[in-house]
N, C-alpha and C. Protein backbone atom coordinates (compact mmCIF):
# COMPACT_ATOMS: atom_id res chain seq x y z
N MET A 1 0.84 -1.18 0.00
CA MET A 1 0.00 0.00 0.00
C MET A 1 0.88 1.23 0.00
N PHE A 2 0.32 2.27 -0.60
CA PHE A 2 1.02 3.54 -0.64
C PHE A 2 0.57 4.42 0.50
N GLU A 3 1.50 5.13 1.05
CA GLU A 3 1.17 6.06 2.13
C GLU A 3 1.28 7.48 1.60
N ILE A 4 0.23 8.24 1.80
CA ILE A 4 0.23 9.62 1.33
C ILE A 4 0.84 10.48 2.42
N SER A 5 1.85 11.22 2.03
CA SER A 5 2.51 12.11 2.99
C SER A 5 2.66 13.47 2.35
N ALA A 6 3.15 14.39 3.12
CA ALA A 6 3.35 15.74 2.62
C ALA A 6 4.46 15.74 1.58
N PRO A 7 4.28 16.48 0.48
CA PRO A 7 5.33 16.53 -0.53
C PRO A 7 6.56 17.24 0.00
N GLU A 8 7.69 16.93 -0.57
CA GLU A 8 8.94 17.55 -0.14
C GLU A 8 9.56 18.31 -1.30
N THR A 9 10.35 19.30 -1.00
CA THR A 9 11.02 20.07 -2.03
C THR A 9 12.27 19.31 -2.48
N LEU A 10 12.99 19.89 -3.42
CA LEU A 10 14.20 19.25 -3.93
C LEU A 10 15.28 19.12 -2.87
N ARG A 11 15.26 19.99 -1.89
CA ARG A 11 16.26 19.93 -0.81
C ARG A 11 15.85 18.98 0.30
N GLY A 12 14.71 18.32 0.18
CA GLY A 12 14.28 17.37 1.18
C GLY A 12 13.52 17.97 2.35
N GLU A 13 13.13 19.22 2.26
CA GLU A 13 12.39 19.85 3.34
C GLU A 13 10.93 20.01 2.94
N LYS A 14 10.09 20.19 3.94
CA LYS A 14 8.67 20.40 3.65
C LYS A 14 8.47 21.76 3.00
N PRO A 15 7.57 21.84 2.02
CA PRO A 15 7.31 23.15 1.42
C PRO A 15 6.62 24.08 2.41
N ARG A 16 6.72 25.35 2.15
CA ARG A 16 6.13 26.35 3.03
C ARG A 16 4.61 26.27 2.95
N LEU A 17 3.96 26.88 3.92
CA LEU A 17 2.51 26.78 4.07
C LEU A 17 1.77 27.26 2.82
N LEU A 18 2.06 28.46 2.35
CA LEU A 18 1.32 28.99 1.21
C LEU A 18 1.59 28.19 -0.06
N ARG A 19 2.78 27.64 -0.18
CA ARG A 19 3.08 26.78 -1.33
C ARG A 19 2.20 25.54 -1.30
N GLN A 20 2.00 24.98 -0.13
CA GLN A 20 1.13 23.81 0.00
C GLN A 20 -0.32 24.18 -0.28
N VAL A 21 -0.74 25.37 0.12
CA VAL A 21 -2.11 25.80 -0.15
C VAL A 21 -2.31 25.93 -1.66
N HIS A 22 -1.37 26.57 -2.34
CA HIS A 22 -1.46 26.70 -3.80
C HIS A 22 -1.55 25.33 -4.47
N GLU A 23 -0.71 24.42 -4.05
CA GLU A 23 -0.70 23.08 -4.66
C GLU A 23 -2.00 22.33 -4.40
N ALA A 24 -2.54 22.44 -3.19
CA ALA A 24 -3.79 21.75 -2.87
C ALA A 24 -4.95 22.32 -3.68
N ILE A 25 -4.99 23.63 -3.85
CA ILE A 25 -6.07 24.25 -4.63
C ILE A 25 -5.97 23.85 -6.09
N ARG A 26 -4.79 23.82 -6.62
CA ARG A 26 -4.61 23.42 -8.03
C ARG A 26 -4.90 21.94 -8.23
N ARG A 27 -4.56 21.13 -7.24
CA ARG A 27 -4.84 19.70 -7.33
C ARG A 27 -6.34 19.43 -7.40
N LEU A 28 -7.12 20.27 -6.72
CA LEU A 28 -8.58 20.11 -6.70
C LEU A 28 -9.27 20.91 -7.80
N HIS A 29 -8.50 21.57 -8.65
CA HIS A 29 -9.01 22.31 -9.81
C HIS A 29 -9.95 23.44 -9.42
N TYR A 30 -9.63 24.14 -8.36
CA TYR A 30 -10.40 25.32 -7.99
C TYR A 30 -10.02 26.45 -8.95
N SER A 31 -10.88 27.45 -9.07
CA SER A 31 -10.60 28.55 -9.98
C SER A 31 -9.46 29.42 -9.44
N ARG A 32 -8.88 30.18 -10.34
CA ARG A 32 -7.77 31.06 -9.96
C ARG A 32 -8.23 32.12 -8.95
N ARG A 33 -9.44 32.61 -9.13
CA ARG A 33 -9.97 33.64 -8.22
C ARG A 33 -10.20 33.06 -6.81
N THR A 34 -10.67 31.82 -6.74
CA THR A 34 -10.84 31.16 -5.44
C THR A 34 -9.48 30.99 -4.78
N GLU A 35 -8.49 30.63 -5.56
CA GLU A 35 -7.14 30.48 -5.03
C GLU A 35 -6.64 31.80 -4.44
N GLU A 36 -6.84 32.89 -5.16
CA GLU A 36 -6.41 34.20 -4.66
C GLU A 36 -7.13 34.56 -3.36
N ALA A 37 -8.43 34.31 -3.32
CA ALA A 37 -9.21 34.66 -2.12
C ALA A 37 -8.78 33.82 -0.92
N TYR A 38 -8.63 32.51 -1.11
CA TYR A 38 -8.24 31.64 -0.01
C TYR A 38 -6.86 32.00 0.52
N VAL A 39 -5.91 32.24 -0.36
CA VAL A 39 -4.56 32.61 0.07
C VAL A 39 -4.60 33.94 0.82
N HIS A 40 -5.41 34.87 0.35
CA HIS A 40 -5.55 36.16 1.02
C HIS A 40 -6.05 35.98 2.45
N TRP A 41 -7.11 35.18 2.64
CA TRP A 41 -7.67 35.01 3.99
C TRP A 41 -6.76 34.22 4.90
N ILE A 42 -6.02 33.26 4.36
CA ILE A 42 -5.07 32.50 5.17
C ILE A 42 -3.93 33.42 5.62
N LYS A 43 -3.46 34.28 4.72
CA LYS A 43 -2.41 35.23 5.09
C LYS A 43 -2.91 36.18 6.19
N ARG A 44 -4.12 36.69 6.03
CA ARG A 44 -4.65 37.62 7.03
C ARG A 44 -4.81 36.94 8.38
N PHE A 45 -5.22 35.67 8.38
CA PHE A 45 -5.37 34.93 9.62
C PHE A 45 -4.02 34.76 10.31
N VAL A 46 -2.99 34.41 9.54
CA VAL A 46 -1.67 34.21 10.11
C VAL A 46 -1.12 35.53 10.67
N VAL A 47 -1.28 36.61 9.93
CA VAL A 47 -0.80 37.92 10.39
C VAL A 47 -1.58 38.35 11.63
N TRP A 48 -2.90 38.16 11.62
CA TRP A 48 -3.72 38.54 12.77
C TRP A 48 -3.32 37.77 14.03
N SER A 49 -2.92 36.52 13.87
CA SER A 49 -2.58 35.69 15.02
C SER A 49 -1.15 35.92 15.50
N GLY A 50 -0.50 36.95 15.01
CA GLY A 50 0.86 37.24 15.45
C GLY A 50 1.89 36.40 14.75
N ARG A 51 1.61 36.03 13.51
CA ARG A 51 2.50 35.22 12.66
C ARG A 51 2.81 33.85 13.28
N ARG A 52 1.86 33.35 14.05
CA ARG A 52 2.00 31.99 14.57
C ARG A 52 1.57 31.01 13.50
N HIS A 53 2.14 29.83 13.53
CA HIS A 53 1.80 28.83 12.52
C HIS A 53 0.37 28.33 12.76
N PRO A 54 -0.41 28.14 11.69
CA PRO A 54 -1.80 27.68 11.86
C PRO A 54 -1.92 26.34 12.58
N ALA A 55 -0.88 25.52 12.55
CA ALA A 55 -0.94 24.23 13.26
C ALA A 55 -1.00 24.45 14.77
N ALA A 56 -0.49 25.60 15.22
CA ALA A 56 -0.52 25.90 16.65
C ALA A 56 -1.82 26.58 17.07
N LEU A 57 -2.67 26.86 16.11
CA LEU A 57 -3.92 27.56 16.39
C LEU A 57 -5.08 26.58 16.29
N GLY A 58 -6.16 26.91 16.94
CA GLY A 58 -7.29 26.00 16.93
C GLY A 58 -8.62 26.72 16.75
N GLU A 59 -9.65 26.06 17.23
CA GLU A 59 -11.01 26.56 17.07
C GLU A 59 -11.20 27.92 17.73
N ARG A 60 -10.61 28.10 18.88
CA ARG A 60 -10.78 29.36 19.61
C ARG A 60 -10.21 30.53 18.80
N GLU A 61 -9.04 30.35 18.19
CA GLU A 61 -8.43 31.42 17.41
C GLU A 61 -9.21 31.71 16.13
N VAL A 62 -9.73 30.65 15.49
CA VAL A 62 -10.54 30.85 14.28
C VAL A 62 -11.80 31.63 14.63
N SER A 63 -12.46 31.27 15.71
CA SER A 63 -13.65 31.99 16.14
C SER A 63 -13.33 33.43 16.50
N ALA A 64 -12.21 33.65 17.18
CA ALA A 64 -11.82 35.01 17.55
C ALA A 64 -11.51 35.85 16.31
N PHE A 65 -10.88 35.23 15.31
CA PHE A 65 -10.58 35.94 14.06
C PHE A 65 -11.86 36.34 13.34
N LEU A 66 -12.82 35.43 13.29
CA LEU A 66 -14.08 35.73 12.61
C LEU A 66 -14.86 36.80 13.38
N CYS A 67 -14.80 36.76 14.70
CA CYS A 67 -15.45 37.81 15.50
C CYS A 67 -14.75 39.15 15.30
N HIS A 68 -13.43 39.13 15.17
CA HIS A 68 -12.67 40.34 14.88
C HIS A 68 -13.11 40.95 13.56
N LEU A 69 -13.31 40.10 12.55
CA LEU A 69 -13.77 40.60 11.25
C LEU A 69 -15.14 41.25 11.37
N ALA A 70 -16.01 40.64 12.16
CA ALA A 70 -17.38 41.13 12.28
C ALA A 70 -17.46 42.40 13.11
N SER A 71 -16.80 42.40 14.26
CA SER A 71 -17.00 43.51 15.19
C SER A 71 -16.09 44.70 14.92
N GLU A 72 -14.82 44.47 14.69
CA GLU A 72 -13.89 45.58 14.55
C GLU A 72 -13.76 46.08 13.12
N LEU A 73 -13.88 45.19 12.15
CA LEU A 73 -13.71 45.59 10.75
C LEU A 73 -15.05 45.74 10.02
N ASP A 74 -16.13 45.35 10.68
CA ASP A 74 -17.48 45.47 10.12
C ASP A 74 -17.58 44.80 8.74
N VAL A 75 -17.10 43.57 8.65
CA VAL A 75 -17.10 42.82 7.40
C VAL A 75 -18.46 42.15 7.23
N ALA A 76 -18.93 42.10 6.00
CA ALA A 76 -20.24 41.51 5.71
C ALA A 76 -20.24 40.01 5.98
N ALA A 77 -21.42 39.46 6.13
CA ALA A 77 -21.57 38.03 6.43
C ALA A 77 -21.01 37.17 5.30
N ALA A 78 -21.22 37.57 4.06
CA ALA A 78 -20.71 36.79 2.92
C ALA A 78 -19.19 36.74 2.93
N THR A 79 -18.57 37.83 3.31
CA THR A 79 -17.11 37.88 3.37
C THR A 79 -16.59 37.01 4.51
N ARG A 80 -17.29 37.02 5.65
CA ARG A 80 -16.88 36.15 6.76
C ARG A 80 -17.05 34.69 6.37
N ASN A 81 -18.08 34.37 5.61
CA ASN A 81 -18.25 32.99 5.14
C ASN A 81 -17.10 32.58 4.23
N GLN A 82 -16.63 33.51 3.41
CA GLN A 82 -15.49 33.21 2.54
C GLN A 82 -14.23 32.98 3.36
N ALA A 83 -14.02 33.80 4.39
CA ALA A 83 -12.86 33.61 5.26
C ALA A 83 -12.95 32.27 5.98
N LEU A 84 -14.14 31.92 6.46
CA LEU A 84 -14.33 30.64 7.13
C LEU A 84 -14.05 29.48 6.17
N ALA A 85 -14.52 29.58 4.94
CA ALA A 85 -14.27 28.52 3.95
C ALA A 85 -12.78 28.35 3.68
N ALA A 86 -12.05 29.46 3.63
CA ALA A 86 -10.61 29.39 3.40
C ALA A 86 -9.90 28.71 4.57
N LEU A 87 -10.31 29.03 5.79
CA LEU A 87 -9.67 28.42 6.96
C LEU A 87 -10.04 26.94 7.09
N LEU A 88 -11.26 26.59 6.75
CA LEU A 88 -11.64 25.17 6.75
C LEU A 88 -10.89 24.41 5.67
N PHE A 89 -10.68 25.04 4.53
CA PHE A 89 -9.88 24.42 3.47
C PHE A 89 -8.47 24.15 3.96
N LEU A 90 -7.91 25.11 4.67
CA LEU A 90 -6.56 24.93 5.22
C LEU A 90 -6.51 23.73 6.17
N CYS A 91 -7.56 23.57 6.97
CA CYS A 91 -7.58 22.47 7.94
C CYS A 91 -7.74 21.12 7.26
N LYS A 92 -8.58 21.05 6.24
CA LYS A 92 -8.94 19.76 5.66
C LYS A 92 -8.07 19.32 4.50
N GLN A 93 -7.67 20.25 3.63
CA GLN A 93 -7.10 19.87 2.35
C GLN A 93 -5.58 19.98 2.25
N VAL A 94 -4.96 20.74 3.11
CA VAL A 94 -3.51 20.91 3.01
C VAL A 94 -2.83 19.75 3.72
N PRO A 95 -2.08 18.92 2.98
CA PRO A 95 -1.46 17.73 3.60
C PRO A 95 -0.30 18.10 4.52
N GLY A 96 -0.12 17.27 5.52
CA GLY A 96 1.00 17.44 6.42
C GLY A 96 0.81 18.50 7.48
N ARG A 97 -0.37 19.06 7.57
CA ARG A 97 -0.64 20.07 8.58
C ARG A 97 -1.55 19.46 9.62
N ASP A 98 -1.10 19.46 10.84
CA ASP A 98 -1.88 18.87 11.92
C ASP A 98 -2.72 19.92 12.63
N MET A 99 -3.34 20.79 11.87
CA MET A 99 -4.18 21.82 12.45
C MET A 99 -5.52 21.21 12.81
N PRO A 100 -5.96 21.37 14.04
CA PRO A 100 -7.26 20.81 14.40
C PRO A 100 -8.37 21.51 13.65
N ARG A 101 -9.33 20.72 13.18
CA ARG A 101 -10.43 21.29 12.42
C ARG A 101 -11.41 21.95 13.36
N PRO A 102 -11.71 23.23 13.14
CA PRO A 102 -12.66 23.92 14.02
C PRO A 102 -14.05 23.30 13.91
N ARG A 103 -14.75 23.25 15.02
CA ARG A 103 -16.11 22.70 15.03
C ARG A 103 -17.10 23.84 14.91
N ILE A 104 -17.02 24.55 13.82
CA ILE A 104 -17.94 25.66 13.57
C ILE A 104 -18.98 25.14 12.59
N HIS A 105 -20.22 25.16 13.02
CA HIS A 105 -21.29 24.64 12.20
C HIS A 105 -22.11 25.78 11.64
N GLY A 106 -22.54 25.62 10.42
CA GLY A 106 -23.42 26.61 9.83
C GLY A 106 -22.67 27.77 9.21
N ARG A 107 -23.42 28.74 8.83
CA ARG A 107 -22.88 29.93 8.19
C ARG A 107 -23.32 31.16 8.96
N PHE A 108 -22.73 32.26 8.62
CA PHE A 108 -23.14 33.51 9.23
C PHE A 108 -24.44 33.96 8.61
N ALA A 109 -25.30 34.51 9.43
CA ALA A 109 -26.61 34.94 8.96
C ALA A 109 -26.50 36.30 8.28
N TYR A 110 -27.26 36.43 7.24
CA TYR A 110 -27.36 37.71 6.56
C TYR A 110 -28.48 38.50 7.22
N LEU A 111 -28.21 39.75 7.51
CA LEU A 111 -29.24 40.59 8.10
C LEU A 111 -30.21 41.00 7.00
N ARG A 112 -31.45 40.71 7.22
CA ARG A 112 -32.47 41.07 6.25
C ARG A 112 -33.31 42.18 6.82
N GLN A 113 -33.36 43.24 6.13
CA GLN A 113 -34.19 44.35 6.58
C GLN A 113 -35.34 44.48 5.60
N ASN A 114 -36.52 44.21 6.10
CA ASN A 114 -37.69 44.34 5.26
C ASN A 114 -38.00 45.81 5.04
N PRO A 115 -38.28 46.17 3.80
CA PRO A 115 -38.66 47.56 3.59
C PRO A 115 -40.00 47.81 4.23
N GLY A 116 -40.05 48.74 5.10
CA GLY A 116 -41.28 49.03 5.82
C GLY A 116 -41.79 50.42 5.47
N VAL A 117 -42.94 50.69 5.93
CA VAL A 117 -43.50 52.01 5.75
C VAL A 117 -42.85 52.93 6.77
N ASN A 118 -42.37 54.06 6.32
CA ASN A 118 -41.72 55.00 7.22
C ASN A 118 -42.77 55.86 7.91
N THR A 119 -43.27 55.35 9.00
CA THR A 119 -44.22 56.13 9.78
C THR A 119 -43.48 57.17 10.58
N THR A 120 -44.18 58.15 11.07
CA THR A 120 -43.55 59.22 11.83
C THR A 120 -42.89 58.68 13.10
N SER A 121 -43.54 57.74 13.78
CA SER A 121 -42.93 57.19 15.00
C SER A 121 -41.69 56.39 14.69
N ARG A 122 -41.69 55.65 13.57
CA ARG A 122 -40.51 54.86 13.20
C ARG A 122 -39.36 55.78 12.83
N VAL A 123 -39.65 56.85 12.13
CA VAL A 123 -38.61 57.79 11.73
C VAL A 123 -38.08 58.54 12.95
N ASN A 124 -38.96 58.90 13.87
CA ASN A 124 -38.52 59.63 15.06
C ASN A 124 -37.66 58.77 15.97
N ASN A 125 -37.84 57.45 15.95
CA ASN A 125 -37.05 56.55 16.80
C ASN A 125 -35.63 56.36 16.27
N SER A 126 -35.42 56.64 15.01
CA SER A 126 -34.10 56.47 14.43
C SER A 126 -33.33 57.78 14.57
N SER A 127 -32.03 57.68 14.74
CA SER A 127 -31.21 58.87 14.96
C SER A 127 -30.35 59.21 13.76
N ARG A 128 -30.55 58.53 12.62
CA ARG A 128 -29.73 58.83 11.46
C ARG A 128 -30.19 60.12 10.80
N PRO A 129 -29.26 60.95 10.32
CA PRO A 129 -29.64 62.21 9.68
C PRO A 129 -30.51 62.03 8.45
N SER A 130 -30.37 60.92 7.73
CA SER A 130 -31.17 60.71 6.53
C SER A 130 -32.65 60.59 6.88
N ASN A 131 -32.95 60.13 8.09
CA ASN A 131 -34.34 59.99 8.48
C ASN A 131 -34.97 61.34 8.85
N ILE A 132 -34.16 62.30 9.18
CA ILE A 132 -34.69 63.63 9.46
C ILE A 132 -35.28 64.20 8.18
N ALA A 133 -34.61 63.95 7.06
CA ALA A 133 -35.13 64.40 5.78
C ALA A 133 -36.45 63.70 5.46
N MET A 134 -36.58 62.43 5.88
CA MET A 134 -37.82 61.70 5.65
C MET A 134 -38.96 62.33 6.43
N VAL A 135 -38.71 62.84 7.60
CA VAL A 135 -39.76 63.50 8.38
C VAL A 135 -40.24 64.72 7.64
N GLN A 136 -39.32 65.51 7.10
CA GLN A 136 -39.71 66.70 6.37
C GLN A 136 -40.49 66.35 5.12
N ILE A 137 -40.09 65.28 4.42
CA ILE A 137 -40.81 64.87 3.23
C ILE A 137 -42.22 64.41 3.61
N GLN A 138 -42.34 63.69 4.70
CA GLN A 138 -43.66 63.21 5.10
C GLN A 138 -44.56 64.36 5.54
N ILE A 139 -44.01 65.34 6.18
CA ILE A 139 -44.83 66.45 6.65
C ILE A 139 -45.32 67.29 5.47
N TRP A 140 -44.47 67.53 4.49
CA TRP A 140 -44.81 68.43 3.40
C TRP A 140 -45.33 67.73 2.17
N ASN A 141 -45.52 66.44 2.19
CA ASN A 141 -46.01 65.72 1.04
C ASN A 141 -47.54 65.82 0.99
N PRO A 142 -48.10 66.50 -0.01
CA PRO A 142 -49.56 66.65 -0.05
C PRO A 142 -50.29 65.38 -0.45
N PHE A 143 -49.55 64.37 -0.97
CA PHE A 143 -50.21 63.16 -1.46
C PHE A 143 -50.19 62.01 -0.45
N ARG A 144 -49.70 62.24 0.74
CA ARG A 144 -49.62 61.16 1.72
C ARG A 144 -51.00 60.87 2.28
N ASP A 145 -51.15 59.63 2.76
CA ASP A 145 -52.44 59.24 3.35
C ASP A 145 -52.61 59.91 4.69
N ALA A 146 -53.83 60.30 4.97
CA ALA A 146 -54.11 60.97 6.24
C ALA A 146 -54.32 60.00 7.35
């Protein structure tokens, strides 16, 4: 039987992390744009963690990184899902890396805001300057319902 192990370079050493990521993505025939995005998020994760190797990081660090993206950088849910997919790819597909797979289930929820009727009370409860203009439009609009 053949044993699958991490590939080695010509000098007999293990290839660097990003080189292994590139090779794994190409082996699975992912698109070039997916490769760029995954490498970008893996780099950002490593830099955010203080340049520690991903094998030394676990579920807690992945969750903290995703929370950092959401709270401090105000990143959209779709972007956080992409970052999560890149980190899960790193855990599952890159050979020779003993990084524990995070037990994160599901995806980030997209905030859905239903378009509602801008009543005077709803507009008055909001503190955004754009809603102040809505109050003036509602007051001076002769075609509004009484």
